[in-house]
Amino acid sequence: MFYLRVKGTKNQFMRRDNPYEVTSDLSEAATYERQVHAVSRKQVYKASLGTIDRSMKKFDIITEEVAKYELANIG
């Protein structure tokens, strides 16, 4: 599984139900079976906001293992 994590953070992920909001709960985060699907979602998100919106979040694509490991080590 792959997640879209806000660039520069360890615990902020794109929400499954609203790609314009973030969550720190992996159970609410958008998941993708294949990396190519996550890349596609990231491109659609970026295109939907246009180039004017400076508040756009940038996302990194990470694996489920990385997400769980980093969340476990934040505390």
N, C-alpha and C. Protein backbone atom coordinates (compact mmCIF):
# COMPACT_ATOMS: atom_id res chain seq x y z
N MET A 1 0.84 -1.19 0.00
CA MET A 1 0.00 0.00 0.00
C MET A 1 0.88 1.25 0.00
N PHE A 2 0.34 2.30 -0.61
CA PHE A 2 1.05 3.56 -0.68
C PHE A 2 0.17 4.68 -0.12
N TYR A 3 0.81 5.65 0.49
CA TYR A 3 0.12 6.83 1.04
C TYR A 3 0.70 8.08 0.42
N LEU A 4 -0.10 9.15 0.43
CA LEU A 4 0.38 10.47 0.03
C LEU A 4 0.57 11.29 1.31
N ARG A 5 1.82 11.56 1.63
CA ARG A 5 2.14 12.30 2.85
C ARG A 5 2.56 13.73 2.49
N VAL A 6 2.12 14.69 3.30
CA VAL A 6 2.50 16.07 3.07
C VAL A 6 4.02 16.18 3.19
N LYS A 7 4.61 16.76 2.15
CA LYS A 7 6.07 16.89 2.09
C LYS A 7 6.57 17.67 3.32
N GLY A 8 7.63 17.16 3.93
CA GLY A 8 8.23 17.81 5.08
C GLY A 8 7.62 17.42 6.41
N THR A 9 6.62 16.54 6.40
CA THR A 9 6.01 16.08 7.65
C THR A 9 6.20 14.58 7.78
N LYS A 10 5.93 14.06 8.98
CA LYS A 10 5.97 12.61 9.18
C LYS A 10 4.59 12.05 9.49
N ASN A 11 3.62 12.92 9.82
CA ASN A 11 2.32 12.40 10.26
C ASN A 11 1.12 13.13 9.65
N GLN A 12 1.28 13.69 8.47
CA GLN A 12 0.15 14.35 7.80
C GLN A 12 -0.06 13.70 6.43
N PHE A 13 -1.25 13.10 6.26
CA PHE A 13 -1.54 12.35 5.04
C PHE A 13 -2.81 12.87 4.37
N MET A 14 -2.89 12.68 3.05
CA MET A 14 -4.10 13.05 2.32
C MET A 14 -5.25 12.18 2.82
N ARG A 15 -6.37 12.82 3.10
CA ARG A 15 -7.56 12.07 3.58
C ARG A 15 -8.20 11.29 2.43
N ARG A 16 -8.78 10.17 2.78
CA ARG A 16 -9.48 9.33 1.81
C ARG A 16 -10.74 10.01 1.30
N ASP A 17 -11.48 10.65 2.21
CA ASP A 17 -12.78 11.23 1.85
C ASP A 17 -12.70 12.67 1.34
N ASN A 18 -11.55 13.33 1.53
CA ASN A 18 -11.41 14.71 1.06
C ASN A 18 -9.93 14.98 0.79
N PRO A 19 -9.52 14.97 -0.47
CA PRO A 19 -8.10 15.14 -0.80
C PRO A 19 -7.55 16.52 -0.48
N TYR A 20 -8.42 17.46 -0.13
CA TYR A 20 -7.95 18.82 0.18
C TYR A 20 -7.71 19.02 1.67
N GLU A 21 -7.94 17.98 2.46
CA GLU A 21 -7.68 18.02 3.90
C GLU A 21 -6.67 16.94 4.23
N VAL A 22 -6.02 17.08 5.38
CA VAL A 22 -5.05 16.08 5.81
C VAL A 22 -5.48 15.46 7.13
N THR A 23 -4.88 14.30 7.43
CA THR A 23 -5.16 13.59 8.67
C THR A 23 -3.87 12.98 9.18
N SER A 24 -3.79 12.76 10.49
CA SER A 24 -2.64 12.06 11.05
C SER A 24 -3.01 10.62 11.39
N ASP A 25 -4.24 10.22 11.09
CA ASP A 25 -4.72 8.87 11.36
C ASP A 25 -4.66 8.03 10.08
N LEU A 26 -3.83 7.01 10.08
CA LEU A 26 -3.68 6.19 8.87
C LEU A 26 -4.98 5.52 8.44
N SER A 27 -5.89 5.27 9.39
CA SER A 27 -7.16 4.64 9.02
C SER A 27 -8.05 5.59 8.20
N GLU A 28 -7.79 6.89 8.27
CA GLU A 28 -8.56 7.88 7.50
C GLU A 28 -7.81 8.33 6.25
N ALA A 29 -6.56 7.91 6.11
CA ALA A 29 -5.73 8.35 4.98
C ALA A 29 -6.07 7.58 3.71
N ALA A 30 -5.87 8.26 2.59
CA ALA A 30 -6.08 7.62 1.28
C ALA A 30 -4.97 6.59 1.07
N THR A 31 -5.36 5.39 0.63
CA THR A 31 -4.38 4.34 0.35
C THR A 31 -4.52 3.90 -1.10
N TYR A 32 -3.41 3.45 -1.64
CA TYR A 32 -3.38 3.02 -3.04
C TYR A 32 -2.63 1.71 -3.12
N GLU A 33 -3.18 0.76 -3.87
CA GLU A 33 -2.56 -0.55 -4.02
C GLU A 33 -1.25 -0.46 -4.80
N ARG A 34 -1.24 0.40 -5.80
CA ARG A 34 -0.06 0.51 -6.67
C ARG A 34 0.46 1.93 -6.66
N GLN A 35 1.76 2.07 -6.77
CA GLN A 35 2.38 3.39 -6.74
C GLN A 35 1.88 4.26 -7.89
N VAL A 36 1.62 3.66 -9.03
CA VAL A 36 1.16 4.43 -10.19
C VAL A 36 -0.19 5.09 -9.89
N HIS A 37 -1.03 4.47 -9.07
CA HIS A 37 -2.32 5.07 -8.71
C HIS A 37 -2.11 6.28 -7.80
N ALA A 38 -1.14 6.18 -6.89
CA ALA A 38 -0.83 7.31 -6.02
C ALA A 38 -0.27 8.47 -6.83
N VAL A 39 0.58 8.17 -7.80
CA VAL A 39 1.14 9.22 -8.67
C VAL A 39 0.02 9.91 -9.43
N SER A 40 -0.91 9.12 -9.94
CA SER A 40 -2.04 9.68 -10.69
C SER A 40 -2.89 10.59 -9.81
N ARG A 41 -3.17 10.15 -8.58
CA ARG A 41 -3.98 10.96 -7.65
C ARG A 41 -3.29 12.27 -7.32
N LYS A 42 -1.99 12.19 -7.13
CA LYS A 42 -1.19 13.38 -6.83
C LYS A 42 -1.27 14.38 -7.99
N GLN A 43 -1.20 13.88 -9.23
CA GLN A 43 -1.27 14.75 -10.41
C GLN A 43 -2.64 15.37 -10.56
N VAL A 44 -3.70 14.61 -10.30
CA VAL A 44 -5.06 15.12 -10.38
C VAL A 44 -5.28 16.20 -9.33
N TYR A 45 -4.79 15.97 -8.11
CA TYR A 45 -4.90 16.95 -7.03
C TYR A 45 -4.22 18.26 -7.44
N LYS A 46 -3.02 18.15 -7.95
CA LYS A 46 -2.26 19.34 -8.34
C LYS A 46 -2.97 20.10 -9.47
N ALA A 47 -3.46 19.37 -10.46
CA ALA A 47 -4.14 20.00 -11.60
C ALA A 47 -5.46 20.64 -11.17
N SER A 48 -6.13 20.06 -10.19
CA SER A 48 -7.44 20.58 -9.77
C SER A 48 -7.32 21.93 -9.08
N LEU A 49 -6.15 22.22 -8.50
CA LEU A 49 -5.97 23.48 -7.80
C LEU A 49 -5.45 24.59 -8.70
N GLY A 50 -4.94 24.23 -9.86
CA GLY A 50 -4.39 25.24 -10.76
C GLY A 50 -3.03 25.72 -10.26
N THR A 51 -2.47 26.66 -10.97
CA THR A 51 -1.13 27.13 -10.63
C THR A 51 -1.15 28.37 -9.76
N ILE A 52 -2.30 28.98 -9.56
CA ILE A 52 -2.40 30.23 -8.80
C ILE A 52 -2.37 29.97 -7.30
N ASP A 53 -2.94 28.87 -6.86
CA ASP A 53 -3.11 28.59 -5.43
C ASP A 53 -1.77 28.29 -4.77
N ARG A 54 -1.24 29.24 -4.03
CA ARG A 54 0.06 29.08 -3.36
C ARG A 54 -0.05 28.24 -2.09
N SER A 55 -1.26 28.00 -1.61
CA SER A 55 -1.43 27.23 -0.38
C SER A 55 -1.46 25.73 -0.66
N MET A 56 -1.28 25.35 -1.90
CA MET A 56 -1.32 23.94 -2.27
C MET A 56 -0.28 23.14 -1.50
N LYS A 57 -0.69 22.03 -0.94
CA LYS A 57 0.24 21.16 -0.25
C LYS A 57 0.97 20.29 -1.27
N LYS A 58 2.21 20.01 -1.00
CA LYS A 58 2.98 19.12 -1.86
C LYS A 58 3.06 17.78 -1.13
N PHE A 59 2.91 16.70 -1.88
CA PHE A 59 2.87 15.36 -1.29
C PHE A 59 4.01 14.48 -1.76
N ASP A 60 4.51 13.67 -0.85
CA ASP A 60 5.45 12.60 -1.16
C ASP A 60 4.67 11.30 -1.16
N ILE A 61 5.09 10.36 -1.97
CA ILE A 61 4.47 9.04 -1.98
C ILE A 61 5.36 8.11 -1.17
N ILE A 62 4.77 7.50 -0.13
CA ILE A 62 5.54 6.60 0.73
C ILE A 62 4.82 5.27 0.88
N THR A 63 5.56 4.26 1.30
CA THR A 63 4.96 2.94 1.50
C THR A 63 4.31 2.86 2.87
N GLU A 64 3.44 1.88 3.02
CA GLU A 64 2.75 1.66 4.29
C GLU A 64 3.75 1.39 5.41
N GLU A 65 4.80 0.62 5.11
CA GLU A 65 5.79 0.29 6.13
C GLU A 65 6.48 1.55 6.66
N VAL A 66 6.85 2.46 5.76
CA VAL A 66 7.50 3.71 6.17
C VAL A 66 6.54 4.54 7.01
N ALA A 67 5.29 4.64 6.59
CA ALA A 67 4.30 5.43 7.31
C ALA A 67 4.12 4.91 8.74
N LYS A 68 3.96 3.61 8.88
CA LYS A 68 3.74 3.03 10.21
C LYS A 68 4.97 3.15 11.09
N TYR A 69 6.15 2.96 10.52
CA TYR A 69 7.39 3.05 11.27
C TYR A 69 7.59 4.48 11.80
N GLU A 70 7.41 5.47 10.92
CA GLU A 70 7.64 6.85 11.32
C GLU A 70 6.60 7.33 12.33
N LEU A 71 5.34 6.89 12.19
CA LEU A 71 4.31 7.28 13.17
C LEU A 71 4.65 6.67 14.53
N ALA A 72 5.16 5.47 14.56
CA ALA A 72 5.50 4.80 15.82
C ALA A 72 6.66 5.49 16.52
N ASN A 73 7.50 6.19 15.78
CA ASN A 73 8.69 6.81 16.36
C ASN A 73 8.56 8.31 16.59
N ILE A 74 7.37 8.87 16.43
CA ILE A 74 7.17 10.31 16.63
C ILE A 74 7.15 10.66 18.11
N GLY A 75 6.45 9.84 18.89
CA GLY A 75 6.18 10.12 20.28
C GLY A 75 7.33 10.48 21.14
